[in-house]
Protein backbone atom coordinates (compact mmCIF):
# COMPACT_ATOMS: atom_id res chain seq x y z
CA UNK A 1 128.22 -22.41 91.66
CA UNK A 2 129.65 -19.77 89.30
CA UNK A 3 129.88 -20.20 85.56
CA UNK A 4 133.25 -19.35 84.01
CA UNK A 5 131.80 -16.06 82.72
CA UNK A 6 130.54 -15.13 86.19
CA UNK A 7 133.91 -15.99 87.73
CA UNK A 8 135.71 -13.88 85.14
CA UNK A 9 133.38 -10.94 85.78
CA UNK A 10 133.96 -11.25 89.53
CA UNK A 11 137.74 -11.26 88.95
CA UNK A 12 137.42 -8.13 86.81
CA UNK A 13 135.46 -6.37 89.58
CA UNK A 14 138.16 -7.35 92.07
CA UNK A 15 140.88 -5.90 89.83
CA UNK A 16 138.95 -2.67 89.36
CA UNK A 17 138.43 -2.28 93.10
CA UNK A 18 142.12 -2.96 93.70
CA UNK A 19 143.08 -0.18 91.24
CA UNK A 20 140.62 2.25 92.85
CA UNK A 21 142.30 1.63 96.19
CA UNK A 22 145.75 2.11 94.69
CA UNK A 23 144.66 5.46 93.22
CA UNK A 24 143.45 6.59 96.65
CA UNK A 25 146.99 6.27 98.02
CA UNK A 26 149.30 9.29 98.20
CA UNK A 27 151.77 9.68 95.33
CA UNK A 28 154.71 8.86 97.58
CA UNK A 29 153.00 5.58 98.50
CA UNK A 30 152.37 4.50 94.89
CA UNK A 31 149.12 6.30 94.10
CA UNK A 32 150.26 7.16 90.58
CA UNK A 33 152.02 3.90 89.72
CA UNK A 34 151.35 3.10 86.06
CA UNK A 35 149.02 0.16 85.49
CA UNK A 36 147.62 -1.63 82.47
CA UNK A 37 144.40 -3.64 82.69
CA UNK A 38 144.68 -7.00 80.92
CA UNK A 39 141.50 -8.97 80.34
CA UNK A 40 139.70 -11.32 78.01
CA UNK A 41 136.73 -8.91 77.87
CA UNK A 42 136.71 -7.19 74.49
CA UNK A 43 133.72 -5.01 75.28
CA UNK A 44 133.52 -1.21 75.31
CA UNK A 45 132.11 -1.19 78.86
CA UNK A 46 135.17 -3.05 80.20
CA UNK A 47 137.59 -0.47 78.78
CA UNK A 48 135.51 2.39 80.18
CA UNK A 49 135.36 0.74 83.60
CA UNK A 50 139.12 0.12 83.61
CA UNK A 51 139.90 3.74 82.76
CA UNK A 52 137.43 5.00 85.35
CA UNK A 53 139.07 2.82 88.00
CA UNK A 54 142.45 4.39 87.28
CA UNK A 55 144.16 2.10 84.81
CA UNK A 56 146.30 4.07 82.36
CA UNK A 57 145.57 1.63 79.53
CA UNK A 58 143.49 -1.40 78.63
CA UNK A 59 144.64 -4.49 76.74
CA UNK A 60 142.64 -7.54 75.67
CA UNK A 61 143.84 -11.10 75.29
CA UNK A 62 145.39 -12.60 73.29
CA UNK A 63 148.25 -10.17 73.76
CA UNK A 64 150.66 -9.38 70.96
CA UNK A 65 154.16 -8.87 72.29
CA UNK A 66 154.83 -5.76 70.16
CA UNK A 67 151.56 -4.17 71.29
CA UNK A 68 152.37 -4.87 74.93
CA UNK A 69 155.86 -3.36 74.58
CA UNK A 70 154.51 -0.21 72.92
CA UNK A 71 151.82 0.14 75.59
CA UNK A 72 154.30 -0.29 78.45
CA UNK A 73 156.54 2.34 76.87
CA UNK A 74 153.59 4.72 76.51
CA UNK A 75 152.37 4.19 80.08
CA UNK A 76 155.89 4.60 81.45
CA UNK A 77 156.13 7.87 79.51
CA UNK A 78 152.94 9.13 81.11
CA UNK A 79 154.42 8.38 84.54
CA UNK A 80 157.66 10.22 83.69
CA UNK A 81 155.73 13.30 82.55
CA UNK A 82 153.77 13.38 85.81
CA UNK A 83 156.97 13.05 87.84
CA UNK A 84 158.70 15.82 85.85
CA UNK A 85 155.81 18.24 86.25
CA UNK A 86 155.62 17.64 90.01
CA UNK A 87 159.25 18.63 90.57
């Protein structure tokens, strides 16, 4: 039986693996789709792991609406720049 911390860590690993697989896809099949990791882990290792897996940003709970909006705008801007440079 898993503790709640073990279950949360397993869920984080699943999310990281999912993002790694997304990043392996070709651009035209969504390989560069912007993504923000959202987690309850407020540890440096979690942010590093999220970035290494391919998340553009990392956000911890509880989420402030203004922070989320600014982060989405920033991540969307990164995507636009990549699209513009590829053309």
